[in-house]
Amino acid sequence: MTRVGIGYDVHSLVVGRKLILGGVDVPFERGLAGHSDADALVHSIMDALLGAAALGDIGTHFPPTDEQYRGASSLVLLSRVSELLAENDFKINNIDSTIIAQKPKLAVYIDQMRLNISQTLGLTIDQVSVKATTSEGLGFIGRVEGIATFAIAMIEGSR
């Protein structure tokens, strides 16, 4: 049975944090606020995968009140999501994702993001799409106050 899930995440940009997207440390004067490394791209992918499998969301599995996840690498958490899918007899077909950020420009980091995500999930790089766009200067993203991400995942399973 083919199933799809969608994920969304948004974090504010703050001084004193690294900007981590897709497991890449992107040079920028601010990073994303959050309990873990605040990798909004990986968070939306995790929610898309969990949603497709009807296994809850990242807050269910990795609550922000749990100190063991403070500063955690989102790629490590993504690996655990992959294990949950396998335990429930699901296989990932593909992932498509979009980062919405006015700044910084992300094109040069996209291939590394795709590689990090595909390797973490045991996929080929052509099964993972990452795109980046701006909000054309509109809203909190246009004012460079935050970054939002969307992801959709297709999985196969017997359930």
Protein backbone atom coordinates (compact mmCIF):
# COMPACT_ATOMS: atom_id res chain seq x y z
CA MET A 1 0.00 0.00 0.00
CA THR A 2 1.36 3.43 -0.97
CA ARG A 3 1.00 6.17 1.61
CA VAL A 4 2.00 9.85 1.67
CA GLY A 5 2.64 12.30 4.47
CA ILE A 6 3.30 16.00 4.67
CA GLY A 7 5.50 17.83 7.15
CA TYR A 8 5.95 21.48 8.05
CA ASP A 9 8.32 23.22 10.43
CA VAL A 10 9.26 26.78 11.25
CA HIS A 11 11.87 28.23 13.60
CA SER A 12 12.90 31.76 14.39
CA LEU A 13 16.39 32.98 13.58
CA VAL A 14 18.38 34.00 16.66
CA VAL A 15 21.90 35.16 17.50
CA GLY A 16 24.17 32.65 19.17
CA ARG A 17 23.03 29.51 17.37
CA LYS A 18 24.43 27.66 14.36
CA LEU A 19 22.24 27.49 11.27
CA ILE A 20 21.85 23.77 10.57
CA LEU A 21 19.74 22.71 7.58
CA GLY A 22 19.75 19.20 6.18
CA GLY A 23 22.64 18.41 8.51
CA VAL A 24 24.76 21.17 6.95
CA ASP A 25 26.29 23.92 9.07
CA VAL A 26 25.38 26.91 6.88
CA PRO A 27 27.54 30.00 7.55
CA PHE A 28 25.21 32.79 8.70
CA GLU A 29 25.15 35.35 11.51
CA ARG A 30 22.12 33.67 13.12
CA GLY A 31 20.82 30.17 13.59
CA LEU A 32 17.48 28.56 14.28
CA ALA A 33 16.06 28.56 17.81
CA GLY A 34 15.00 25.18 19.15
CA HIS A 35 15.50 22.41 21.67
CA SER A 36 17.58 20.16 19.40
CA ASP A 37 19.85 21.55 16.68
CA ALA A 38 16.61 23.07 15.27
CA ASP A 39 17.18 21.66 11.77
CA ALA A 40 13.80 22.67 10.38
CA LEU A 41 14.36 20.82 7.10
CA VAL A 42 15.00 17.49 8.79
CA HIS A 43 12.11 18.13 11.21
CA SER A 44 9.63 18.56 8.37
CA ILE A 45 10.96 15.41 6.70
CA MET A 46 10.57 13.45 9.95
CA ASP A 47 6.98 14.66 10.31
CA ALA A 48 6.22 13.75 6.69
CA LEU A 49 7.58 10.22 7.20
CA LEU A 50 5.84 9.71 10.55
CA GLY A 51 2.60 11.10 9.15
CA ALA A 52 2.67 8.80 6.14
CA ALA A 53 3.04 5.83 8.49
CA ALA A 54 0.45 7.20 10.95
CA LEU A 55 3.05 7.00 13.73
CA GLY A 56 2.46 10.40 15.30
CA ASP A 57 4.83 13.33 14.96
CA ILE A 58 8.27 14.38 16.11
CA GLY A 59 6.88 15.90 19.31
CA THR A 60 5.44 12.51 20.23
CA HIS A 61 8.75 10.70 19.72
CA PHE A 62 11.22 13.45 20.64
CA PRO A 63 9.44 15.85 23.04
CA PRO A 64 11.08 19.24 23.55
CA THR A 65 10.68 18.74 27.31
CA ASP A 66 13.05 15.74 27.26
CA GLU A 67 16.59 16.82 28.11
CA GLN A 68 18.15 13.93 26.17
CA TYR A 69 17.20 15.76 22.96
CA ARG A 70 18.66 19.15 23.97
CA GLY A 71 21.11 20.09 21.22
CA ALA A 72 20.64 16.69 19.54
CA SER A 73 21.54 16.26 15.89
CA SER A 74 18.33 16.05 13.90
CA LEU A 75 20.05 13.55 11.61
CA VAL A 76 20.33 11.20 14.61
CA LEU A 77 16.61 11.67 15.24
CA LEU A 78 15.90 11.08 11.55
CA SER A 79 17.81 7.80 11.81
CA ARG A 80 15.49 6.77 14.65
CA VAL A 81 12.45 7.64 12.50
CA SER A 82 13.90 5.41 9.79
CA GLU A 83 14.17 2.59 12.34
CA LEU A 84 10.54 3.14 13.41
CA LEU A 85 9.41 2.88 9.80
CA ALA A 86 11.35 -0.35 9.31
CA GLU A 87 9.96 -1.79 12.57
CA ASN A 88 6.48 -1.14 11.15
CA ASP A 89 7.31 -2.66 7.74
CA PHE A 90 7.44 0.60 5.81
CA LYS A 91 9.92 1.46 3.06
CA ILE A 92 10.58 5.02 1.87
CA ASN A 93 9.99 5.64 -1.83
CA ASN A 94 10.97 9.29 -2.00
CA ILE A 95 11.00 12.66 -0.24
CA ASP A 96 10.44 16.11 -1.70
CA SER A 97 11.13 19.16 0.43
CA THR A 98 11.30 22.94 0.24
CA ILE A 99 13.11 25.47 2.43
CA ILE A 100 11.64 28.98 2.49
CA ALA A 101 14.34 31.47 3.54
CA GLN A 102 14.99 35.02 2.44
CA LYS A 103 18.60 34.71 3.60
CA PRO A 104 21.07 33.10 3.41
CA LYS A 105 21.19 31.80 -0.13
CA LEU A 106 21.22 28.01 0.04
CA ALA A 107 21.80 26.72 -3.51
CA VAL A 108 25.43 25.73 -2.88
CA TYR A 109 24.42 23.58 0.12
CA ILE A 110 21.53 21.65 -1.45
CA ASP A 111 23.54 18.69 -2.77
CA GLN A 112 25.18 18.13 0.63
CA MET A 113 21.77 18.32 2.34
CA ARG A 114 20.40 15.71 -0.07
CA LEU A 115 23.42 13.49 0.52
CA ASN A 116 23.17 13.78 4.33
CA ILE A 117 19.47 12.94 4.34
CA SER A 118 19.74 10.10 1.82
CA GLN A 119 22.67 8.50 3.67
CA THR A 120 20.90 8.79 7.02
CA LEU A 121 17.83 7.06 5.60
CA GLY A 122 19.71 4.47 3.52
CA LEU A 123 18.32 5.93 0.29
CA THR A 124 19.93 6.91 -2.98
CA ILE A 125 20.40 10.64 -3.48
CA ASP A 126 17.88 10.63 -6.34
CA GLN A 127 15.17 9.63 -3.82
CA VAL A 128 15.63 12.91 -1.91
CA SER A 129 14.76 16.33 -3.33
CA VAL A 130 15.58 19.56 -1.53
CA LYS A 131 14.65 22.92 -2.99
CA ALA A 132 15.03 26.45 -1.64
CA THR A 133 13.03 29.58 -2.33
CA THR A 134 12.38 32.98 -0.77
CA SER A 135 9.17 34.65 0.34
CA GLU A 136 9.85 37.58 -2.00
CA GLY A 137 10.46 39.80 1.03
CA LEU A 138 7.04 39.16 2.56
CA GLY A 139 6.22 38.31 6.17
CA PHE A 140 8.50 37.05 8.93
CA ILE A 141 10.57 35.08 6.41
CA GLY A 142 11.02 38.14 4.21
CA ARG A 143 12.13 40.13 7.25
CA VAL A 144 14.71 37.37 7.93
CA GLU A 145 13.11 36.56 11.30
CA GLY A 146 12.73 32.85 10.59
CA ILE A 147 12.85 29.94 8.16
CA ALA A 148 10.04 27.55 7.22
CA THR A 149 10.19 24.16 5.55
CA PHE A 150 7.75 21.75 3.92
CA ALA A 151 8.24 18.10 3.04
CA ILE A 152 6.22 15.33 1.51
CA ALA A 153 7.15 11.68 1.69
CA MET A 154 5.89 8.60 -0.12
CA ILE A 155 6.26 5.26 1.61
CA GLU A 156 5.22 1.67 0.91
CA GLY A 157 3.98 -0.77 3.50
CA SER A 158 1.79 -3.73 4.15
CA ARG A 159 -0.49 -1.91 6.59
